[in-house]
Amino acid sequence: QVRLAESGGGLVQAGDSLRLSCAVSGSTFRNSAMGWFRQAPGKEREFVAAITWSGGTTYYADSVKGRFTVSRDNAKNIVWLQMNSLKPEDTAVYYCAVEVFRGWVSNKDEYDYWGQGTQVTVSS
């Protein structure tokens, strides 16, 4: 079993930065991917970024490309999402998740484990 716990969310102003952390407990797999998703009130959960556990290949949604950076420390079992130049439209609950067998990393239906989420609010 895998457990994930996000932290680092908060209330910031447009243009500010935040770094989210995801602590991973339990077994990890070489073929796994770690994904970040977000969900705003009344909207569907959407893909933000992902990184492969073994090779460190990164993937980003067009809406965050160039502003967000996903990284990981395999030895410490931590995944980060560095968010710069935040915009009000980034406001959402952010979730980290594990796709045990890497496939279509932007497809939330392929992920097997999810964290509880952390709130990010960006004011104008």
N, C-alpha and C. Protein backbone atom coordinates (compact mmCIF):
# COMPACT_ATOMS: atom_id res chain seq x y z
N GLN A 1 0.83 -1.19 0.00
CA GLN A 1 0.00 0.00 0.00
C GLN A 1 0.87 1.25 0.00
N VAL A 2 0.36 2.29 -0.63
CA VAL A 2 1.07 3.55 -0.75
C VAL A 2 0.22 4.65 -0.13
N ARG A 3 0.86 5.49 0.66
CA ARG A 3 0.19 6.63 1.26
C ARG A 3 0.90 7.90 0.84
N LEU A 4 0.13 8.92 0.51
CA LEU A 4 0.67 10.20 0.10
C LEU A 4 0.06 11.30 0.94
N ALA A 5 0.89 12.28 1.29
CA ALA A 5 0.43 13.40 2.10
C ALA A 5 0.99 14.70 1.53
N GLU A 6 0.10 15.55 1.04
CA GLU A 6 0.51 16.85 0.49
C GLU A 6 0.59 17.89 1.59
N SER A 7 1.45 18.88 1.38
CA SER A 7 1.54 20.02 2.27
C SER A 7 2.11 21.20 1.50
N GLY A 8 1.98 22.39 2.07
CA GLY A 8 2.58 23.57 1.49
C GLY A 8 1.61 24.54 0.85
N GLY A 9 0.34 24.20 0.82
CA GLY A 9 -0.64 25.11 0.25
C GLY A 9 -0.85 26.32 1.13
N GLY A 10 -1.53 27.31 0.58
CA GLY A 10 -1.80 28.51 1.34
C GLY A 10 -2.44 29.58 0.49
N LEU A 11 -2.56 30.76 1.07
CA LEU A 11 -3.15 31.92 0.41
C LEU A 11 -2.03 32.87 0.00
N VAL A 12 -1.95 33.17 -1.28
CA VAL A 12 -0.92 34.06 -1.81
C VAL A 12 -1.54 35.03 -2.80
N GLN A 13 -0.76 36.02 -3.18
CA GLN A 13 -1.19 36.98 -4.18
C GLN A 13 -0.66 36.61 -5.56
N ALA A 14 -1.33 37.08 -6.58
CA ALA A 14 -0.88 36.83 -7.94
C ALA A 14 0.57 37.26 -8.12
N GLY A 15 1.34 36.40 -8.77
CA GLY A 15 2.75 36.65 -8.97
C GLY A 15 3.65 36.00 -7.94
N ASP A 16 3.08 35.56 -6.84
CA ASP A 16 3.86 34.92 -5.78
C ASP A 16 4.18 33.48 -6.15
N SER A 17 4.95 32.84 -5.27
CA SER A 17 5.36 31.46 -5.47
C SER A 17 4.99 30.61 -4.27
N LEU A 18 4.79 29.34 -4.52
CA LEU A 18 4.57 28.34 -3.49
C LEU A 18 5.26 27.06 -3.91
N ARG A 19 5.68 26.28 -2.92
CA ARG A 19 6.20 24.96 -3.19
C ARG A 19 5.41 23.93 -2.41
N LEU A 20 4.79 23.03 -3.13
CA LEU A 20 4.05 21.95 -2.53
C LEU A 20 4.94 20.73 -2.37
N SER A 21 4.73 20.00 -1.30
CA SER A 21 5.47 18.78 -1.05
C SER A 21 4.51 17.60 -0.95
N CYS A 22 4.97 16.46 -1.37
CA CYS A 22 4.21 15.22 -1.25
C CYS A 22 5.12 14.17 -0.65
N ALA A 23 4.81 13.75 0.56
CA ALA A 23 5.56 12.70 1.22
C ALA A 23 4.94 11.35 0.89
N VAL A 24 5.75 10.45 0.40
CA VAL A 24 5.28 9.14 -0.04
C VAL A 24 5.72 8.08 0.95
N SER A 25 4.77 7.29 1.42
CA SER A 25 5.06 6.18 2.32
C SER A 25 4.66 4.87 1.64
N GLY A 26 5.43 3.83 1.91
CA GLY A 26 5.15 2.54 1.31
C GLY A 26 6.03 2.27 0.11
N SER A 27 5.73 1.20 -0.57
CA SER A 27 6.54 0.77 -1.69
C SER A 27 6.39 1.67 -2.90
N THR A 28 7.49 1.84 -3.60
CA THR A 28 7.47 2.53 -4.88
C THR A 28 8.03 1.59 -5.94
N PHE A 29 7.76 1.90 -7.17
CA PHE A 29 8.14 1.03 -8.27
C PHE A 29 8.89 1.81 -9.32
N ARG A 30 9.83 1.14 -9.96
CA ARG A 30 10.66 1.80 -10.97
C ARG A 30 9.85 2.35 -12.13
N ASN A 31 8.76 1.70 -12.46
CA ASN A 31 7.95 2.13 -13.59
C ASN A 31 6.85 3.11 -13.21
N SER A 32 6.85 3.56 -11.96
CA SER A 32 5.79 4.44 -11.48
C SER A 32 6.00 5.87 -11.95
N ALA A 33 4.89 6.60 -11.97
CA ALA A 33 4.91 8.02 -12.20
C ALA A 33 4.21 8.72 -11.04
N MET A 34 4.71 9.89 -10.69
CA MET A 34 4.09 10.72 -9.68
C MET A 34 3.43 11.89 -10.37
N GLY A 35 2.16 12.05 -10.13
CA GLY A 35 1.41 13.10 -10.79
C GLY A 35 0.87 14.14 -9.83
N TRP A 36 0.72 15.36 -10.32
CA TRP A 36 0.04 16.43 -9.61
C TRP A 36 -1.20 16.81 -10.39
N PHE A 37 -2.32 16.85 -9.69
CA PHE A 37 -3.59 17.24 -10.27
C PHE A 37 -4.19 18.34 -9.41
N ARG A 38 -5.14 19.06 -9.97
CA ARG A 38 -5.82 20.08 -9.20
C ARG A 38 -7.30 20.09 -9.55
N GLN A 39 -8.09 20.55 -8.60
CA GLN A 39 -9.53 20.60 -8.79
C GLN A 39 -10.09 21.86 -8.14
N ALA A 40 -10.67 22.70 -8.95
CA ALA A 40 -11.33 23.90 -8.47
C ALA A 40 -12.79 23.58 -8.17
N PRO A 41 -13.43 24.35 -7.31
CA PRO A 41 -14.83 24.08 -6.97
C PRO A 41 -15.72 24.03 -8.20
N GLY A 42 -16.51 22.97 -8.31
CA GLY A 42 -17.43 22.83 -9.41
C GLY A 42 -16.81 22.39 -10.72
N LYS A 43 -15.52 22.09 -10.72
CA LYS A 43 -14.83 21.69 -11.94
C LYS A 43 -14.24 20.30 -11.81
N GLU A 44 -13.90 19.72 -12.95
CA GLU A 44 -13.27 18.41 -12.97
C GLU A 44 -11.82 18.49 -12.53
N ARG A 45 -11.34 17.40 -11.97
CA ARG A 45 -9.94 17.33 -11.61
C ARG A 45 -9.09 17.28 -12.89
N GLU A 46 -8.06 18.12 -12.94
CA GLU A 46 -7.27 18.23 -14.14
C GLU A 46 -5.79 17.99 -13.87
N PHE A 47 -5.12 17.51 -14.89
CA PHE A 47 -3.69 17.23 -14.81
C PHE A 47 -2.89 18.51 -14.74
N VAL A 48 -1.85 18.51 -13.91
CA VAL A 48 -0.96 19.65 -13.77
C VAL A 48 0.46 19.30 -14.23
N ALA A 49 1.04 18.27 -13.62
CA ALA A 49 2.41 17.89 -13.91
C ALA A 49 2.65 16.46 -13.44
N ALA A 50 3.69 15.84 -13.97
CA ALA A 50 4.06 14.50 -13.55
C ALA A 50 5.55 14.29 -13.74
N ILE A 51 6.08 13.33 -13.01
CA ILE A 51 7.48 12.96 -13.12
C ILE A 51 7.60 11.46 -12.94
N THR A 52 8.41 10.83 -13.75
CA THR A 52 8.62 9.39 -13.59
C THR A 52 9.55 9.15 -12.42
N TRP A 53 9.27 8.11 -11.65
CA TRP A 53 10.02 7.85 -10.43
C TRP A 53 11.46 7.47 -10.72
N SER A 54 11.67 6.68 -11.76
CA SER A 54 13.00 6.19 -12.06
C SER A 54 13.84 7.18 -12.85
N GLY A 55 13.35 7.60 -14.00
CA GLY A 55 14.16 8.42 -14.88
C GLY A 55 14.04 9.92 -14.68
N GLY A 56 13.01 10.37 -13.98
CA GLY A 56 12.85 11.79 -13.75
C GLY A 56 12.32 12.58 -14.94
N THR A 57 11.73 11.90 -15.91
CA THR A 57 11.12 12.59 -17.04
C THR A 57 9.90 13.37 -16.56
N THR A 58 9.78 14.60 -17.00
CA THR A 58 8.70 15.47 -16.54
C THR A 58 7.70 15.75 -17.64
N TYR A 59 6.48 16.02 -17.22
CA TYR A 59 5.38 16.33 -18.11
C TYR A 59 4.58 17.47 -17.48
N TYR A 60 4.08 18.38 -18.31
CA TYR A 60 3.34 19.53 -17.81
C TYR A 60 2.13 19.82 -18.67
N ALA A 61 1.08 20.28 -18.00
CA ALA A 61 -0.05 20.81 -18.72
C ALA A 61 0.34 22.14 -19.35
N ASP A 62 -0.25 22.44 -20.49
CA ASP A 62 0.08 23.69 -21.18
C ASP A 62 -0.16 24.91 -20.31
N SER A 63 -1.15 24.84 -19.44
CA SER A 63 -1.52 25.98 -18.62
C SER A 63 -0.47 26.35 -17.57
N VAL A 64 0.43 25.41 -17.24
CA VAL A 64 1.43 25.67 -16.22
C VAL A 64 2.85 25.59 -16.74
N LYS A 65 3.02 25.19 -17.97
CA LYS A 65 4.35 25.03 -18.54
C LYS A 65 5.12 26.35 -18.50
N GLY A 66 6.34 26.29 -18.00
CA GLY A 66 7.16 27.48 -17.86
C GLY A 66 7.02 28.17 -16.53
N ARG A 67 6.00 27.83 -15.77
CA ARG A 67 5.77 28.43 -14.46
C ARG A 67 5.96 27.42 -13.32
N PHE A 68 5.56 26.19 -13.55
CA PHE A 68 5.64 25.14 -12.53
C PHE A 68 6.77 24.18 -12.84
N THR A 69 7.37 23.63 -11.79
CA THR A 69 8.41 22.64 -11.93
C THR A 69 8.17 21.49 -10.96
N VAL A 70 8.16 20.27 -11.47
CA VAL A 70 7.99 19.10 -10.63
C VAL A 70 9.34 18.42 -10.47
N SER A 71 9.63 17.97 -9.27
CA SER A 71 10.89 17.29 -9.00
C SER A 71 10.68 16.25 -7.91
N ARG A 72 11.69 15.41 -7.72
CA ARG A 72 11.57 14.40 -6.67
C ARG A 72 12.92 14.01 -6.11
N ASP A 73 12.91 13.52 -4.90
CA ASP A 73 14.08 12.98 -4.22
C ASP A 73 13.74 11.54 -3.87
N ASN A 74 14.24 10.62 -4.67
CA ASN A 74 13.89 9.21 -4.47
C ASN A 74 14.34 8.67 -3.12
N ALA A 75 15.50 9.13 -2.66
CA ALA A 75 16.03 8.64 -1.39
C ALA A 75 15.16 9.06 -0.22
N LYS A 76 14.54 10.23 -0.32
CA LYS A 76 13.70 10.73 0.76
C LYS A 76 12.22 10.49 0.51
N ASN A 77 11.90 9.94 -0.64
CA ASN A 77 10.50 9.68 -1.01
C ASN A 77 9.65 10.94 -0.92
N ILE A 78 10.13 11.99 -1.56
CA ILE A 78 9.43 13.26 -1.57
C ILE A 78 9.31 13.76 -3.01
N VAL A 79 8.15 14.27 -3.34
CA VAL A 79 7.91 14.90 -4.62
C VAL A 79 7.49 16.34 -4.37
N TRP A 80 8.03 17.27 -5.15
CA TRP A 80 7.72 18.68 -5.00
C TRP A 80 7.06 19.23 -6.25
N LEU A 81 6.28 20.26 -6.05
CA LEU A 81 5.75 21.05 -7.15
C LEU A 81 6.05 22.51 -6.83
N GLN A 82 7.03 23.07 -7.52
CA GLN A 82 7.37 24.47 -7.38
C GLN A 82 6.48 25.28 -8.30
N MET A 83 5.74 26.21 -7.74
CA MET A 83 4.79 27.01 -8.50
C MET A 83 5.21 28.47 -8.45
N ASN A 84 5.57 29.02 -9.59
CA ASN A 84 5.97 30.41 -9.70
C ASN A 84 4.95 31.19 -10.53
N SER A 85 5.00 32.50 -10.40
CA SER A 85 4.12 33.39 -11.17
C SER A 85 2.67 32.94 -11.08
N LEU A 86 2.21 32.70 -9.88
CA LEU A 86 0.88 32.17 -9.68
C LEU A 86 -0.19 33.15 -10.16
N LYS A 87 -1.25 32.58 -10.69
CA LYS A 87 -2.38 33.34 -11.20
C LYS A 87 -3.64 32.94 -10.45
N PRO A 88 -4.65 33.82 -10.43
CA PRO A 88 -5.90 33.46 -9.77
C PRO A 88 -6.50 32.16 -10.30
N GLU A 89 -6.33 31.88 -11.58
CA GLU A 89 -6.87 30.65 -12.15
C GLU A 89 -6.14 29.40 -11.68
N ASP A 90 -5.05 29.55 -10.95
CA ASP A 90 -4.37 28.41 -10.34
C ASP A 90 -5.03 27.98 -9.04
N THR A 91 -5.98 28.75 -8.56
CA THR A 91 -6.66 28.43 -7.32
C THR A 91 -7.38 27.10 -7.43
N ALA A 92 -7.06 26.19 -6.52
CA ALA A 92 -7.64 24.85 -6.55
C ALA A 92 -7.10 24.05 -5.37
N VAL A 93 -7.68 22.89 -5.17
CA VAL A 93 -7.09 21.90 -4.28
C VAL A 93 -6.12 21.08 -5.12
N TYR A 94 -4.90 20.96 -4.66
CA TYR A 94 -3.87 20.23 -5.39
C TYR A 94 -3.65 18.87 -4.76
N TYR A 95 -3.61 17.85 -5.61
CA TYR A 95 -3.44 16.48 -5.18
C TYR A 95 -2.20 15.87 -5.82
N CYS A 96 -1.48 15.07 -5.06
CA CYS A 96 -0.46 14.23 -5.67
C CYS A 96 -1.00 12.81 -5.76
N ALA A 97 -0.49 12.06 -6.71
CA ALA A 97 -1.00 10.73 -6.96
C ALA A 97 0.10 9.84 -7.55
N VAL A 98 -0.12 8.54 -7.44
CA VAL A 98 0.82 7.56 -7.96
C VAL A 98 0.17 6.73 -9.05
N GLU A 99 0.80 6.69 -10.19
CA GLU A 99 0.45 5.77 -11.26
C GLU A 99 1.47 4.64 -11.19
N VAL A 100 1.05 3.48 -10.71
CA VAL A 100 1.98 2.39 -10.44
C VAL A 100 2.72 1.97 -11.71
N PHE A 101 2.00 1.79 -12.78
CA PHE A 101 2.61 1.44 -14.05
C PHE A 101 2.39 2.58 -15.02
N ARG A 102 3.46 3.27 -15.31
CA ARG A 102 3.41 4.47 -16.13
C ARG A 102 2.77 4.20 -17.47
N GLY A 103 1.81 5.03 -17.80
CA GLY A 103 1.14 4.94 -19.08
C GLY A 103 0.87 6.33 -19.60
N TRP A 104 -0.39 6.70 -19.59
CA TRP A 104 -0.80 8.03 -19.99
C TRP A 104 -0.82 8.88 -18.72
N VAL A 105 0.25 9.60 -18.45
CA VAL A 105 0.44 10.24 -17.16
C VAL A 105 -0.56 11.36 -16.89
N SER A 106 -1.18 11.91 -17.91
CA SER A 106 -2.14 12.98 -17.72
C SER A 106 -3.56 12.48 -17.48
N ASN A 107 -3.76 11.19 -17.54
CA ASN A 107 -5.08 10.59 -17.36
C ASN A 107 -5.28 10.22 -15.90
N LYS A 108 -6.12 10.95 -15.21
CA LYS A 108 -6.34 10.71 -13.79
C LYS A 108 -6.90 9.33 -13.49
N ASP A 109 -7.57 8.74 -14.45
CA ASP A 109 -8.17 7.42 -14.24
C ASP A 109 -7.14 6.31 -14.15
N GLU A 110 -5.91 6.57 -14.55
CA GLU A 110 -4.87 5.57 -14.49
C GLU A 110 -4.09 5.58 -13.18
N TYR A 111 -4.38 6.53 -12.31
CA TYR A 111 -3.65 6.64 -11.05
C TYR A 111 -4.28 5.77 -9.97
N ASP A 112 -3.43 5.16 -9.17
CA ASP A 112 -3.86 4.14 -8.22
C ASP A 112 -3.99 4.66 -6.79
N TYR A 113 -3.21 5.64 -6.42
CA TYR A 113 -3.23 6.18 -5.06
C TYR A 113 -3.26 7.69 -5.10
N TRP A 114 -3.97 8.28 -4.14
CA TRP A 114 -4.14 9.73 -4.08
C TRP A 114 -3.92 10.25 -2.67
N GLY A 115 -3.38 11.46 -2.59
CA GLY A 115 -3.29 12.16 -1.32
C GLY A 115 -4.59 12.85 -1.00
N GLN A 116 -4.62 13.52 0.14
CA GLN A 116 -5.84 14.17 0.60
C GLN A 116 -6.05 15.55 0.01
N GLY A 117 -5.02 16.12 -0.57
CA GLY A 117 -5.11 17.42 -1.19
C GLY A 117 -4.69 18.56 -0.28
N THR A 118 -4.22 19.64 -0.88
CA THR A 118 -3.86 20.84 -0.14
C THR A 118 -4.36 22.05 -0.93
N GLN A 119 -4.95 22.99 -0.22
CA GLN A 119 -5.60 24.14 -0.86
C GLN A 119 -4.59 25.21 -1.25
N VAL A 120 -4.69 25.67 -2.48
CA VAL A 120 -3.92 26.81 -2.97
C VAL A 120 -4.89 27.87 -3.43
N THR A 121 -4.79 29.05 -2.84
CA THR A 121 -5.66 30.16 -3.20
C THR A 121 -4.81 31.34 -3.63
N VAL A 122 -5.07 31.85 -4.82
CA VAL A 122 -4.31 32.97 -5.37
C VAL A 122 -5.26 34.14 -5.57
N SER A 123 -5.00 35.23 -4.88
CA SER A 123 -5.83 36.42 -4.99
C SER A 123 -5.31 37.33 -6.09
N SER A 124 -6.18 38.20 -6.58
CA SER A 124 -5.82 39.12 -7.66
C SER A 124 -4.89 40.21 -7.17
